[in-house]
Amino acid sequence: AGSYAERVPVIAITGAPTQSVEQAGKYVHHSLGEGRFDSYQKMFE
């Protein structure tokens, strides 16, 4: 957020669960336990 405010180009790369896990909405660690995997992506928007 600080880089955004001060116009600093940083590429933030997130290593994520597999596509099959996300598409199946499985309950995995680091998720919110609700079967959704785009919540954090929406925060970064």
PDB file of all heavy atoms in Angstrom:
ATOM      1  N   ALA A   1       0.837  -1.207   0.000  1.00  0.00           N
ATOM      2  CA  ALA A   1       0.000   0.000   0.000  1.00  0.00           C
ATOM      3  C   ALA A   1       0.866   1.249   0.000  1.00  0.00           C
ATOM      4  O   ALA A   1       0.553   2.245  -0.668  1.00  0.00           O
ATOM      5  CB  ALA A   1      -0.928  -0.004   1.208  1.00  0.00           C
ATOM      6  N   GLY A   2       1.962   1.218   0.745  1.00  0.00           N
ATOM      7  CA  GLY A   2       2.885   2.351   0.738  1.00  0.00           C
ATOM      8  C   GLY A   2       3.510   2.557  -0.627  1.00  0.00           C
ATOM      9  O   GLY A   2       3.654   3.693  -1.094  1.00  0.00           O
ATOM     10  N   SER A   3       3.864   1.462  -1.298  1.00  0.00           N
ATOM     11  CA  SER A   3       4.416   1.571  -2.656  1.00  0.00           C
ATOM     12  C   SER A   3       3.390   2.167  -3.608  1.00  0.00           C
ATOM     13  O   SER A   3       3.732   2.961  -4.496  1.00  0.00           O
ATOM     14  CB  SER A   3       4.840   0.189  -3.159  1.00  0.00           C
ATOM     15  OG  SER A   3       5.863  -0.363  -2.362  1.00  0.00           O
ATOM     16  N   TYR A   4       2.124   1.811  -3.417  1.00  0.00           N
ATOM     17  CA  TYR A   4       1.066   2.369  -4.271  1.00  0.00           C
ATOM     18  C   TYR A   4       0.924   3.866  -4.025  1.00  0.00           C
ATOM     19  O   TYR A   4       0.831   4.660  -4.973  1.00  0.00           O
ATOM     20  CB  TYR A   4      -0.259   1.659  -3.990  1.00  0.00           C
ATOM     21  CG  TYR A   4      -1.381   2.095  -4.888  1.00  0.00           C
ATOM     22  CD1 TYR A   4      -1.540   1.522  -6.149  1.00  0.00           C
ATOM     23  CD2 TYR A   4      -2.282   3.072  -4.490  1.00  0.00           C
ATOM     24  CE1 TYR A   4      -2.570   1.927  -6.985  1.00  0.00           C
ATOM     25  CE2 TYR A   4      -3.319   3.474  -5.324  1.00  0.00           C
ATOM     26  CZ  TYR A   4      -3.457   2.903  -6.569  1.00  0.00           C
ATOM     27  OH  TYR A   4      -4.468   3.300  -7.402  1.00  0.00           O
ATOM     28  N   ALA A   5       0.917   4.263  -2.746  1.00  0.00           N
ATOM     29  CA  ALA A   5       0.733   5.676  -2.411  1.00  0.00           C
ATOM     30  C   ALA A   5       1.881   6.531  -2.930  1.00  0.00           C
ATOM     31  O   ALA A   5       1.674   7.675  -3.365  1.00  0.00           O
ATOM     32  CB  ALA A   5       0.608   5.843  -0.895  1.00  0.00           C
ATOM     33  N   GLU A   6       3.094   5.983  -2.909  1.00  0.00           N
ATOM     34  CA  GLU A   6       4.268   6.765  -3.298  1.00  0.00           C
ATOM     35  C   GLU A   6       4.765   6.427  -4.704  1.00  0.00           C
ATOM     36  O   GLU A   6       5.859   6.824  -5.092  1.00  0.00           O
ATOM     37  CB  GLU A   6       5.373   6.564  -2.258  1.00  0.00           C
ATOM     38  CG  GLU A   6       4.938   7.040  -0.874  1.00  0.00           C
ATOM     39  CD  GLU A   6       6.092   7.106   0.109  1.00  0.00           C
ATOM     40  OE1 GLU A   6       7.271   7.100  -0.327  1.00  0.00           O
ATOM     41  OE2 GLU A   6       5.832   7.183   1.319  1.00  0.00           O
ATOM     42  N   ARG A   7       3.965   5.685  -5.447  1.00  0.00           N
ATOM     43  CA  ARG A   7       4.262   5.339  -6.841  1.00  0.00           C
ATOM     44  C   ARG A   7       5.617   4.679  -6.981  1.00  0.00           C
ATOM     45  O   ARG A   7       6.532   5.193  -7.645  1.00  0.00           O
ATOM     46  CB  ARG A   7       4.129   6.558  -7.750  1.00  0.00           C
ATOM     47  CG  ARG A   7       2.730   7.134  -7.790  1.00  0.00           C
ATOM     48  CD  ARG A   7       2.519   8.076  -8.948  1.00  0.00           C
ATOM     49  NE  ARG A   7       2.225   7.350 -10.176  1.00  0.00           N
ATOM     50  CZ  ARG A   7       1.144   7.558 -10.935  1.00  0.00           C
ATOM     51  NH1 ARG A   7       0.244   8.442 -10.556  1.00  0.00           N
ATOM     52  NH2 ARG A   7       0.961   6.886 -12.043  1.00  0.00           N
ATOM     53  N   VAL A   8       5.737   3.500  -6.372  1.00  0.00           N
ATOM     54  CA  VAL A   8       6.948   2.681  -6.460  1.00  0.00           C
ATOM     55  C   VAL A   8       6.562   1.351  -7.112  1.00  0.00           C
ATOM     56  O   VAL A   8       5.666   0.664  -6.618  1.00  0.00           O
ATOM     57  CB  VAL A   8       7.554   2.431  -5.071  1.00  0.00           C
ATOM     58  CG1 VAL A   8       8.818   1.581  -5.196  1.00  0.00           C
ATOM     59  CG2 VAL A   8       7.868   3.752  -4.375  1.00  0.00           C
ATOM     60  N   PRO A   9       7.212   0.966  -8.217  1.00  0.00           N
ATOM     61  CA  PRO A   9       6.809  -0.246  -8.936  1.00  0.00           C
ATOM     62  C   PRO A   9       7.357  -1.526  -8.291  1.00  0.00           C
ATOM     63  O   PRO A   9       8.547  -1.831  -8.384  1.00  0.00           O
ATOM     64  CB  PRO A   9       7.402  -0.041 -10.333  1.00  0.00           C
ATOM     65  CG  PRO A   9       8.588   0.848 -10.107  1.00  0.00           C
ATOM     66  CD  PRO A   9       8.240   1.737  -8.952  1.00  0.00           C
ATOM     67  N   VAL A  10       6.495  -2.266  -7.626  1.00  0.00           N
ATOM     68  CA  VAL A  10       6.849  -3.543  -7.009  1.00  0.00           C
ATOM     69  C   VAL A  10       5.902  -4.611  -7.549  1.00  0.00           C
ATOM     70  O   VAL A  10       4.686  -4.407  -7.576  1.00  0.00           O
ATOM     71  CB  VAL A  10       6.738  -3.482  -5.476  1.00  0.00           C
ATOM     72  CG1 VAL A  10       6.969  -4.863  -4.863  1.00  0.00           C
ATOM     73  CG2 VAL A  10       7.725  -2.482  -4.900  1.00  0.00           C
ATOM     74  N   ILE A  11       6.451  -5.737  -7.976  1.00  0.00           N
ATOM     75  CA  ILE A  11       5.645  -6.870  -8.423  1.00  0.00           C
ATOM     76  C   ILE A  11       5.466  -7.804  -7.236  1.00  0.00           C
ATOM     77  O   ILE A  11       6.435  -8.418  -6.772  1.00  0.00           O
ATOM     78  CB  ILE A  11       6.317  -7.609  -9.594  1.00  0.00           C
ATOM     79  CG1 ILE A  11       6.552  -6.654 -10.771  1.00  0.00           C
ATOM     80  CG2 ILE A  11       5.481  -8.799 -10.030  1.00  0.00           C
ATOM     81  CD1 ILE A  11       7.441  -7.232 -11.865  1.00  0.00           C
ATOM     82  N   ALA A  12       4.255  -7.903  -6.713  1.00  0.00           N
ATOM     83  CA  ALA A  12       3.967  -8.789  -5.588  1.00  0.00           C
ATOM     84  C   ALA A  12       3.440 -10.114  -6.131  1.00  0.00           C
ATOM     85  O   ALA A  12       2.343 -10.173  -6.696  1.00  0.00           O
ATOM     86  CB  ALA A  12       2.933  -8.143  -4.667  1.00  0.00           C
ATOM     87  N   ILE A  13       4.231 -11.170  -5.981  1.00  0.00           N
ATOM     88  CA  ILE A  13       3.881 -12.488  -6.502  1.00  0.00           C
ATOM     89  C   ILE A  13       3.441 -13.375  -5.342  1.00  0.00           C
ATOM     90  O   ILE A  13       4.188 -13.565  -4.381  1.00  0.00           O
ATOM     91  CB  ILE A  13       5.072 -13.133  -7.227  1.00  0.00           C
ATOM     92  CG1 ILE A  13       5.560 -12.243  -8.375  1.00  0.00           C
ATOM     93  CG2 ILE A  13       4.689 -14.523  -7.745  1.00  0.00           C
ATOM     94  CD1 ILE A  13       6.867 -12.709  -9.013  1.00  0.00           C
ATOM     95  N   THR A  14       2.241 -13.915  -5.442  1.00  0.00           N
ATOM     96  CA  THR A  14       1.703 -14.802  -4.418  1.00  0.00           C
ATOM     97  C   THR A  14       1.681 -16.231  -4.929  1.00  0.00           C
ATOM     98  O   THR A  14       1.001 -16.531  -5.923  1.00  0.00           O
ATOM     99  CB  THR A  14       0.271 -14.395  -4.028  1.00  0.00           C
ATOM    100  OG1 THR A  14       0.296 -13.100  -3.432  1.00  0.00           O
ATOM    101  CG2 THR A  14      -0.319 -15.378  -3.042  1.00  0.00           C
ATOM    102  N   GLY A  15       2.419 -17.114  -4.271  1.00  0.00           N
ATOM    103  CA  GLY A  15       2.310 -18.538  -4.554  1.00  0.00           C
ATOM    104  C   GLY A  15       1.021 -19.065  -3.945  1.00  0.00           C
ATOM    105  O   GLY A  15       0.794 -18.910  -2.741  1.00  0.00           O
ATOM    106  N   ALA A  16       0.162 -19.687  -4.754  1.00  0.00           N
ATOM    107  CA  ALA A  16      -1.195 -20.019  -4.321  1.00  0.00           C
ATOM    108  C   ALA A  16      -1.469 -21.518  -4.413  1.00  0.00           C
ATOM    109  O   ALA A  16      -0.706 -22.264  -5.043  1.00  0.00           O
ATOM    110  CB  ALA A  16      -2.199 -19.250  -5.185  1.00  0.00           C
ATOM    111  N   PRO A  17      -2.565 -21.993  -3.797  1.00  0.00           N
ATOM    112  CA  PRO A  17      -2.960 -23.396  -3.934  1.00  0.00           C
ATOM    113  C   PRO A  17      -3.193 -23.769  -5.390  1.00  0.00           C
ATOM    114  O   PRO A  17      -3.328 -22.904  -6.255  1.00  0.00           O
ATOM    115  CB  PRO A  17      -4.265 -23.479  -3.132  1.00  0.00           C
ATOM    116  CG  PRO A  17      -4.208 -22.331  -2.183  1.00  0.00           C
ATOM    117  CD  PRO A  17      -3.469 -21.245  -2.903  1.00  0.00           C
ATOM    118  N   THR A  18      -3.249 -25.054  -5.656  1.00  0.00           N
ATOM    119  CA  THR A  18      -3.442 -25.510  -7.031  1.00  0.00           C
ATOM    120  C   THR A  18      -4.806 -25.079  -7.563  1.00  0.00           C
ATOM    121  O   THR A  18      -5.742 -24.813  -6.812  1.00  0.00           O
ATOM    122  CB  THR A  18      -3.350 -27.042  -7.123  1.00  0.00           C
ATOM    123  OG1 THR A  18      -4.419 -27.614  -6.360  1.00  0.00           O
ATOM    124  CG2 THR A  18      -2.017 -27.538  -6.580  1.00  0.00           C
ATOM    125  N   GLN A  19      -4.909 -25.031  -8.866  1.00  0.00           N
ATOM    126  CA  GLN A  19      -6.180 -24.662  -9.494  1.00  0.00           C
ATOM    127  C   GLN A  19      -7.297 -25.625  -9.104  1.00  0.00           C
ATOM    128  O   GLN A  19      -8.441 -25.200  -8.879  1.00  0.00           O
ATOM    129  CB  GLN A  19      -6.021 -24.650 -11.006  1.00  0.00           C
ATOM    130  CG  GLN A  19      -5.174 -23.503 -11.548  1.00  0.00           C
ATOM    131  CD  GLN A  19      -5.042 -23.568 -13.048  1.00  0.00           C
ATOM    132  OE1 GLN A  19      -4.441 -24.476 -13.605  1.00  0.00           O
ATOM    133  NE2 GLN A  19      -5.646 -22.607 -13.734  1.00  0.00           N
ATOM    134  N   SER A  20      -6.996 -26.922  -9.013  1.00  0.00           N
ATOM    135  CA  SER A  20      -8.033 -27.900  -8.669  1.00  0.00           C
ATOM    136  C   SER A  20      -8.552 -27.678  -7.259  1.00  0.00           C
ATOM    137  O   SER A  20      -9.760 -27.815  -7.003  1.00  0.00           O
ATOM    138  CB  SER A  20      -7.490 -29.330  -8.817  1.00  0.00           C
ATOM    139  OG  SER A  20      -6.383 -29.546  -7.943  1.00  0.00           O
ATOM    140  N   VAL A  21      -7.660 -27.313  -6.333  1.00  0.00           N
ATOM    141  CA  VAL A  21      -8.083 -27.015  -4.968  1.00  0.00           C
ATOM    142  C   VAL A  21      -8.988 -25.794  -4.953  1.00  0.00           C
ATOM    143  O   VAL A  21     -10.039 -25.781  -4.298  1.00  0.00           O
ATOM    144  CB  VAL A  21      -6.859 -26.797  -4.056  1.00  0.00           C
ATOM    145  CG1 VAL A  21      -7.261 -26.128  -2.739  1.00  0.00           C
ATOM    146  CG2 VAL A  21      -6.165 -28.109  -3.778  1.00  0.00           C
ATOM    147  N   GLU A  22      -8.604 -24.756  -5.687  1.00  0.00           N
ATOM    148  CA  GLU A  22      -9.397 -23.532  -5.710  1.00  0.00           C
ATOM    149  C   GLU A  22     -10.757 -23.768  -6.369  1.00  0.00           C
ATOM    150  O   GLU A  22     -11.792 -23.290  -5.878  1.00  0.00           O
ATOM    151  CB  GLU A  22      -8.626 -22.428  -6.427  1.00  0.00           C
ATOM    152  CG  GLU A  22      -7.372 -21.968  -5.687  1.00  0.00           C
ATOM    153  CD  GLU A  22      -6.767 -20.709  -6.281  1.00  0.00           C
ATOM    154  OE1 GLU A  22      -7.423 -20.092  -7.139  1.00  0.00           O
ATOM    155  OE2 GLU A  22      -5.659 -20.344  -5.879  1.00  0.00           O
ATOM    156  N   GLN A  23     -10.752 -24.466  -7.478  1.00  0.00           N
ATOM    157  CA  GLN A  23     -12.004 -24.680  -8.204  1.00  0.00           C
ATOM    158  C   GLN A  23     -12.980 -25.548  -7.413  1.00  0.00           C
ATOM    159  O   GLN A  23     -14.202 -25.368  -7.506  1.00  0.00           O
ATOM    160  CB  GLN A  23     -11.701 -25.319  -9.563  1.00  0.00           C
ATOM    161  CG  GLN A  23     -11.008 -24.368 -10.525  1.00  0.00           C
ATOM    162  CD  GLN A  23     -10.388 -25.073 -11.712  1.00  0.00           C
ATOM    163  OE1 GLN A  23     -10.496 -26.297 -11.864  1.00  0.00           O
ATOM    164  NE2 GLN A  23      -9.701 -24.315 -12.576  1.00  0.00           N
ATOM    165  N   ALA A  24     -12.429 -26.479  -6.610  1.00  0.00           N
ATOM    166  CA  ALA A  24     -13.280 -27.346  -5.798  1.00  0.00           C
ATOM    167  C   ALA A  24     -13.717 -26.680  -4.497  1.00  0.00           C
ATOM    168  O   ALA A  24     -14.570 -27.215  -3.778  1.00  0.00           O
ATOM    169  CB  ALA A  24     -12.552 -28.650  -5.487  1.00  0.00           C
ATOM    170  N   GLY A  25     -13.138 -25.526  -4.189  1.00  0.00           N
ATOM    171  CA  GLY A  25     -13.487 -24.820  -2.967  1.00  0.00           C
ATOM    172  C   GLY A  25     -13.124 -25.588  -1.714  1.00  0.00           C
ATOM    173  O   GLY A  25     -13.850 -25.548  -0.710  1.00  0.00           O
ATOM    174  N   LYS A  26     -12.005 -26.278  -1.749  1.00  0.00           N
ATOM    175  CA  LYS A  26     -11.611 -27.106  -0.608  1.00  0.00           C
ATOM    176  C   LYS A  26     -11.190 -26.249   0.582  1.00  0.00           C
ATOM    177  O   LYS A  26     -10.764 -25.101   0.419  1.00  0.00           O
ATOM    178  CB  LYS A  26     -10.479 -28.048  -1.014  1.00  0.00           C
ATOM    179  CG  LYS A  26     -10.902 -29.104  -2.025  1.00  0.00           C
ATOM    180  CD  LYS A  26      -9.785 -30.084  -2.333  1.00  0.00           C
ATOM    181  CE  LYS A  26     -10.252 -31.173  -3.303  1.00  0.00           C
ATOM    182  NZ  LYS A  26      -9.166 -32.138  -3.604  1.00  0.00           N
ATOM    183  N   TYR A  27     -11.284 -26.817   1.751  1.00  0.00           N
ATOM    184  CA  TYR A  27     -10.907 -26.115   2.978  1.00  0.00           C
ATOM    185  C   TYR A  27      -9.439 -26.392   3.254  1.00  0.00           C
ATOM    186  O   TYR A  27      -9.083 -27.486   3.718  1.00  0.00           O
ATOM    187  CB  TYR A  27     -11.783 -26.578   4.139  1.00  0.00           C
ATOM    188  CG  TYR A  27     -13.254 -26.357   3.882  1.00  0.00           C
ATOM    189  CD1 TYR A  27     -14.117 -27.426   3.719  1.00  0.00           C
ATOM    190  CD2 TYR A  27     -13.759 -25.065   3.780  1.00  0.00           C
ATOM    191  CE1 TYR A  27     -15.465 -27.214   3.459  1.00  0.00           C
ATOM    192  CE2 TYR A  27     -15.099 -24.840   3.520  1.00  0.00           C
ATOM    193  CZ  TYR A  27     -15.945 -25.922   3.368  1.00  0.00           C
ATOM    194  OH  TYR A  27     -17.266 -25.699   3.102  1.00  0.00           O
ATOM    195  N   VAL A  28      -8.595 -25.443   2.933  1.00  0.00           N
ATOM    196  CA  VAL A  28      -7.154 -25.614   3.131  1.00  0.00           C
ATOM    197  C   VAL A  28      -6.631 -24.496   4.028  1.00  0.00           C
ATOM    198  O   VAL A  28      -7.265 -23.449   4.198  1.00  0.00           O
ATOM    199  CB  VAL A  28      -6.388 -25.610   1.785  1.00  0.00           C
ATOM    200  CG1 VAL A  28      -6.840 -26.763   0.900  1.00  0.00           C
ATOM    201  CG2 VAL A  28      -6.580 -24.287   1.056  1.00  0.00           C
ATOM    202  N   HIS A  29      -5.468 -24.752   4.603  1.00  0.00           N
ATOM    203  CA  HIS A  29      -4.862 -23.757   5.480  1.00  0.00           C
ATOM    204  C   HIS A  29      -4.526 -22.488   4.699  1.00  0.00           C
ATOM    205  O   HIS A  29      -4.330 -22.518   3.496  1.00  0.00           O
ATOM    206  CB  HIS A  29      -3.613 -24.316   6.151  1.00  0.00           C
ATOM    207  CG  HIS A  29      -2.556 -24.782   5.204  1.00  0.00           C
ATOM    208  ND1 HIS A  29      -2.757 -25.811   4.321  1.00  0.00           N
ATOM    209  CD2 HIS A  29      -1.293 -24.357   5.001  1.00  0.00           C
ATOM    210  CE1 HIS A  29      -1.658 -26.004   3.618  1.00  0.00           C
ATOM    211  NE2 HIS A  29      -0.750 -25.134   4.001  1.00  0.00           N
ATOM    212  N   HIS A  30      -4.473 -21.386   5.407  1.00  0.00           N
ATOM    213  CA  HIS A  30      -4.244 -20.036   4.871  1.00  0.00           C
ATOM    214  C   HIS A  30      -5.469 -19.475   4.159  1.00  0.00           C
ATOM    215  O   HIS A  30      -5.453 -18.318   3.755  1.00  0.00           O
ATOM    216  CB  HIS A  30      -3.046 -19.994   3.908  1.00  0.00           C
ATOM    217  CG  HIS A  30      -1.734 -20.331   4.549  1.00  0.00           C
ATOM    218  ND1 HIS A  30      -0.543 -20.187   3.883  1.00  0.00           N
ATOM    219  CD2 HIS A  30      -1.428 -20.802   5.779  1.00  0.00           C
ATOM    220  CE1 HIS A  30       0.448 -20.573   4.676  1.00  0.00           C
ATOM    221  NE2 HIS A  30      -0.070 -20.954   5.842  1.00  0.00           N
ATOM    222  N   SER A  31      -6.502 -20.282   3.970  1.00  0.00           N
ATOM    223  CA  SER A  31      -7.735 -19.751   3.402  1.00  0.00           C
ATOM    224  C   SER A  31      -8.637 -19.277   4.539  1.00  0.00           C
ATOM    225  O   SER A  31      -8.325 -19.468   5.718  1.00  0.00           O
ATOM    226  CB  SER A  31      -8.451 -20.814   2.574  1.00  0.00           C
ATOM    227  OG  SER A  31      -9.064 -21.775   3.422  1.00  0.00           O
ATOM    228  N   LEU A  32      -9.771 -18.692   4.184  1.00  0.00           N
ATOM    229  CA  LEU A  32     -10.730 -18.246   5.200  1.00  0.00           C
ATOM    230  C   LEU A  32     -11.678 -19.366   5.625  1.00  0.00           C
ATOM    231  O   LEU A  32     -12.574 -19.150   6.438  1.00  0.00           O
ATOM    232  CB  LEU A  32     -11.541 -17.053   4.664  1.00  0.00           C
ATOM    233  CG  LEU A  32     -10.722 -15.780   4.392  1.00  0.00           C
ATOM    234  CD1 LEU A  32     -11.609 -14.714   3.761  1.00  0.00           C
ATOM    235  CD2 LEU A  32     -10.073 -15.263   5.661  1.00  0.00           C
ATOM    236  N   GLY A  33     -11.484 -20.548   5.057  1.00  0.00           N
ATOM    237  CA  GLY A  33     -12.307 -21.687   5.437  1.00  0.00           C
ATOM    238  C   GLY A  33     -13.711 -21.627   4.914  1.00  0.00           C
ATOM    239  O   GLY A  33     -14.611 -22.309   5.432  1.00  0.00           O
ATOM    240  N   GLU A  34     -13.937 -20.830   3.877  1.00  0.00           N
ATOM    241  CA  GLU A  34     -15.282 -20.670   3.323  1.00  0.00           C
ATOM    242  C   GLU A  34     -15.362 -21.131   1.867  1.00  0.00           C
ATOM    243  O   GLU A  34     -16.367 -20.908   1.194  1.00  0.00           O
ATOM    244  CB  GLU A  34     -15.707 -19.201   3.424  1.00  0.00           C
ATOM    245  CG  GLU A  34     -15.803 -18.702   4.866  1.00  0.00           C
ATOM    246  CD  GLU A  34     -16.102 -17.216   4.941  1.00  0.00           C
ATOM    247  OE1 GLU A  34     -15.874 -16.514   3.929  1.00  0.00           O
ATOM    248  OE2 GLU A  34     -16.556 -16.768   6.002  1.00  0.00           O
ATOM    249  N   GLY A  35     -14.287 -21.747   1.394  1.00  0.00           N
ATOM    250  CA  GLY A  35     -14.293 -22.262   0.026  1.00  0.00           C
ATOM    251  C   GLY A  35     -14.039 -21.229  -1.044  1.00  0.00           C
ATOM    252  O   GLY A  35     -14.130 -21.522  -2.239  1.00  0.00           O
ATOM    253  N   ARG A  36     -13.730 -19.979  -0.638  1.00  0.00           N
ATOM    254  CA  ARG A  36     -13.423 -18.920  -1.613  1.00  0.00           C
ATOM    255  C   ARG A  36     -11.922 -18.629  -1.587  1.00  0.00           C
ATOM    256  O   ARG A  36     -11.299 -18.603  -0.520  1.00  0.00           O
ATOM    257  CB  ARG A  36     -14.193 -17.641  -1.298  1.00  0.00           C
ATOM    258  CG  ARG A  36     -15.701 -17.793  -1.354  1.00  0.00           C
ATOM    259  CD  ARG A  36     -16.367 -16.420  -1.474  1.00  0.00           C
ATOM    260  NE  ARG A  36     -15.877 -15.513  -0.448  1.00  0.00           N
ATOM    261  CZ  ARG A  36     -16.427 -15.364   0.751  1.00  0.00           C
ATOM    262  NH1 ARG A  36     -17.483 -16.100   1.079  1.00  0.00           N
ATOM    263  NH2 ARG A  36     -15.955 -14.515   1.616  1.00  0.00           N
ATOM    264  N   PHE A  37     -11.359 -18.356  -2.766  1.00  0.00           N
ATOM    265  CA  PHE A  37      -9.917 -18.141  -2.840  1.00  0.00           C
ATOM    266  C   PHE A  37      -9.547 -16.810  -3.492  1.00  0.00           C
ATOM    267  O   PHE A  37      -8.383 -16.562  -3.774  1.00  0.00           O
ATOM    268  CB  PHE A  37      -9.258 -19.296  -3.604  1.00  0.00           C
ATOM    269  CG  PHE A  37      -9.274 -20.587  -2.848  1.00  0.00           C
ATOM    270  CD1 PHE A  37     -10.363 -21.430  -2.933  1.00  0.00           C
ATOM    271  CD2 PHE A  37      -8.222 -20.932  -2.021  1.00  0.00           C
ATOM    272  CE1 PHE A  37     -10.389 -22.618  -2.219  1.00  0.00           C
ATOM    273  CE2 PHE A  37      -8.243 -22.119  -1.295  1.00  0.00           C
ATOM    274  CZ  PHE A  37      -9.329 -22.962  -1.391  1.00  0.00           C
ATOM    275  N   ASP A  38     -10.539 -15.964  -3.720  1.00  0.00           N
ATOM    276  CA  ASP A  38     -10.240 -14.680  -4.353  1.00  0.00           C
ATOM    277  C   ASP A  38     -10.345 -13.505  -3.388  1.00  0.00           C
ATOM    278  O   ASP A  38     -10.207 -12.350  -3.798  1.00  0.00           O
ATOM    279  CB  ASP A  38     -11.157 -14.439  -5.548  1.00  0.00           C
ATOM    280  CG  ASP A  38     -12.638 -14.374  -5.162  1.00  0.00           C
ATOM    281  OD1 ASP A  38     -12.970 -14.667  -3.992  1.00  0.00           O
ATOM    282  OD2 ASP A  38     -13.454 -14.031  -6.041  1.00  0.00           O
ATOM    283  N   SER A  39     -10.585 -13.765  -2.107  1.00  0.00           N
ATOM    284  CA  SER A  39     -10.763 -12.673  -1.146  1.00  0.00           C
ATOM    285  C   SER A  39      -9.515 -11.809  -1.045  1.00  0.00           C
ATOM    286  O   SER A  39      -9.593 -10.573  -1.021  1.00  0.00           O
ATOM    287  CB  SER A  39     -11.122 -13.238   0.235  1.00  0.00           C
ATOM    288  OG  SER A  39     -12.331 -13.964   0.186  1.00  0.00           O
ATOM    289  N   TYR A  40      -8.348 -12.443  -0.975  1.00  0.00           N
ATOM    290  CA  TYR A  40      -7.111 -11.680  -0.827  1.00  0.00           C
ATOM    291  C   TYR A  40      -6.773 -10.936  -2.116  1.00  0.00           C
ATOM    292  O   TYR A  40      -6.247  -9.821  -2.082  1.00  0.00           O
ATOM    293  CB  TYR A  40      -5.954 -12.599  -0.437  1.00  0.00           C
ATOM    294  CG  TYR A  40      -6.281 -13.531   0.711  1.00  0.00           C
ATOM    295  CD1 TYR A  40      -5.961 -14.877   0.649  1.00  0.00           C
ATOM    296  CD2 TYR A  40      -6.924 -13.065   1.859  1.00  0.00           C
ATOM    297  CE1 TYR A  40      -6.262 -15.743   1.688  1.00  0.00           C
ATOM    298  CE2 TYR A  40      -7.235 -13.920   2.904  1.00  0.00           C
ATOM    299  CZ  TYR A  40      -6.902 -15.259   2.817  1.00  0.00           C
ATOM    300  OH  TYR A  40      -7.209 -16.104   3.850  1.00  0.00           O
ATOM    301  N   GLN A  41      -7.094 -11.556  -3.253  1.00  0.00           N
ATOM    302  CA  GLN A  41      -6.871 -10.871  -4.526  1.00  0.00           C
ATOM    303  C   GLN A  41      -7.681  -9.578  -4.592  1.00  0.00           C
ATOM    304  O   GLN A  41      -7.208  -8.555  -5.090  1.00  0.00           O
ATOM    305  CB  GLN A  41      -7.249 -11.780  -5.692  1.00  0.00           C
ATOM    306  CG  GLN A  41      -6.429 -13.059  -5.800  1.00  0.00           C
ATOM    307  CD  GLN A  41      -7.046 -14.034  -6.769  1.00  0.00           C
ATOM    308  OE1 GLN A  41      -7.233 -13.737  -7.956  1.00  0.00           O
ATOM    309  NE2 GLN A  41      -7.407 -15.222  -6.287  1.00  0.00           N
ATOM    310  N   LYS A  42      -8.926  -9.640  -4.093  1.00  0.00           N
ATOM    311  CA  LYS A  42      -9.781  -8.450  -4.103  1.00  0.00           C
ATOM    312  C   LYS A  42      -9.208  -7.355  -3.212  1.00  0.00           C
ATOM    313  O   LYS A  42      -9.359  -6.162  -3.503  1.00  0.00           O
ATOM    314  CB  LYS A  42     -11.194  -8.828  -3.668  1.00  0.00           C
ATOM    315  CG  LYS A  42     -11.940  -9.674  -4.684  1.00  0.00           C
ATOM    316  CD  LYS A  42     -13.332 -10.047  -4.190  1.00  0.00           C
ATOM    317  CE  LYS A  42     -14.084 -10.870  -5.228  1.00  0.00           C
ATOM    318  NZ  LYS A  42     -15.408 -11.304  -4.729  1.00  0.00           N
ATOM    319  N   MET A  43      -8.569  -7.750  -2.109  1.00  0.00           N
ATOM    320  CA  MET A  43      -7.931  -6.750  -1.245  1.00  0.00           C
ATOM    321  C   MET A  43      -6.823  -6.018  -1.997  1.00  0.00           C
ATOM    322  O   MET A  43      -6.663  -4.803  -1.869  1.00  0.00           O
ATOM    323  CB  MET A  43      -7.370  -7.429   0.004  1.00  0.00           C
ATOM    324  CG  MET A  43      -8.405  -8.054   0.902  1.00  0.00           C
ATOM    325  SD  MET A  43      -7.658  -8.887   2.316  1.00  0.00           S
ATOM    326  CE  MET A  43      -9.072  -9.759   2.989  1.00  0.00           C
ATOM    327  N   PHE A  44      -6.074  -6.767  -2.800  1.00  0.00           N
ATOM    328  CA  PHE A  44      -4.957  -6.158  -3.524  1.00  0.00           C
ATOM    329  C   PHE A  44      -5.420  -5.272  -4.678  1.00  0.00           C
ATOM    330  O   PHE A  44      -4.644  -4.445  -5.154  1.00  0.00           O
ATOM    331  CB  PHE A  44      -3.995  -7.242  -4.031  1.00  0.00           C
ATOM    332  CG  PHE A  44      -2.954  -7.643  -3.036  1.00  0.00           C
ATOM    333  CD1 PHE A  44      -3.225  -8.602  -2.077  1.00  0.00           C
ATOM    334  CD2 PHE A  44      -1.713  -7.038  -3.028  1.00  0.00           C
ATOM    335  CE1 PHE A  44      -2.272  -8.969  -1.143  1.00  0.00           C
ATOM    336  CE2 PHE A  44      -0.753  -7.391  -2.099  1.00  0.00           C
ATOM    337  CZ  PHE A  44      -1.035  -8.361  -1.151  1.00  0.00           C
ATOM    338  N   GLU A  45      -6.656  -5.426  -5.128  1.00  0.00           N
ATOM    339  CA  GLU A  45      -7.153  -4.570  -6.205  1.00  0.00           C
ATOM    340  C   GLU A  45      -7.095  -3.090  -5.830  1.00  0.00           C
ATOM    341  O   GLU A  45      -6.926  -2.228  -6.693  1.00  0.00           O
ATOM    342  CB  GLU A  45      -8.595  -4.953  -6.551  1.00  0.00           C
ATOM    343  CG  GLU A  45      -8.730  -6.282  -7.267  1.00  0.00           C
ATOM    344  CD  GLU A  45     -10.177  -6.630  -7.547  1.00  0.00           C
ATOM    345  OE1 GLU A  45     -11.061  -5.788  -7.228  1.00  0.00           O
ATOM    346  OE2 GLU A  45     -10.437  -7.731  -8.063  1.00  0.00           O
TER     347      GLU A  45
END
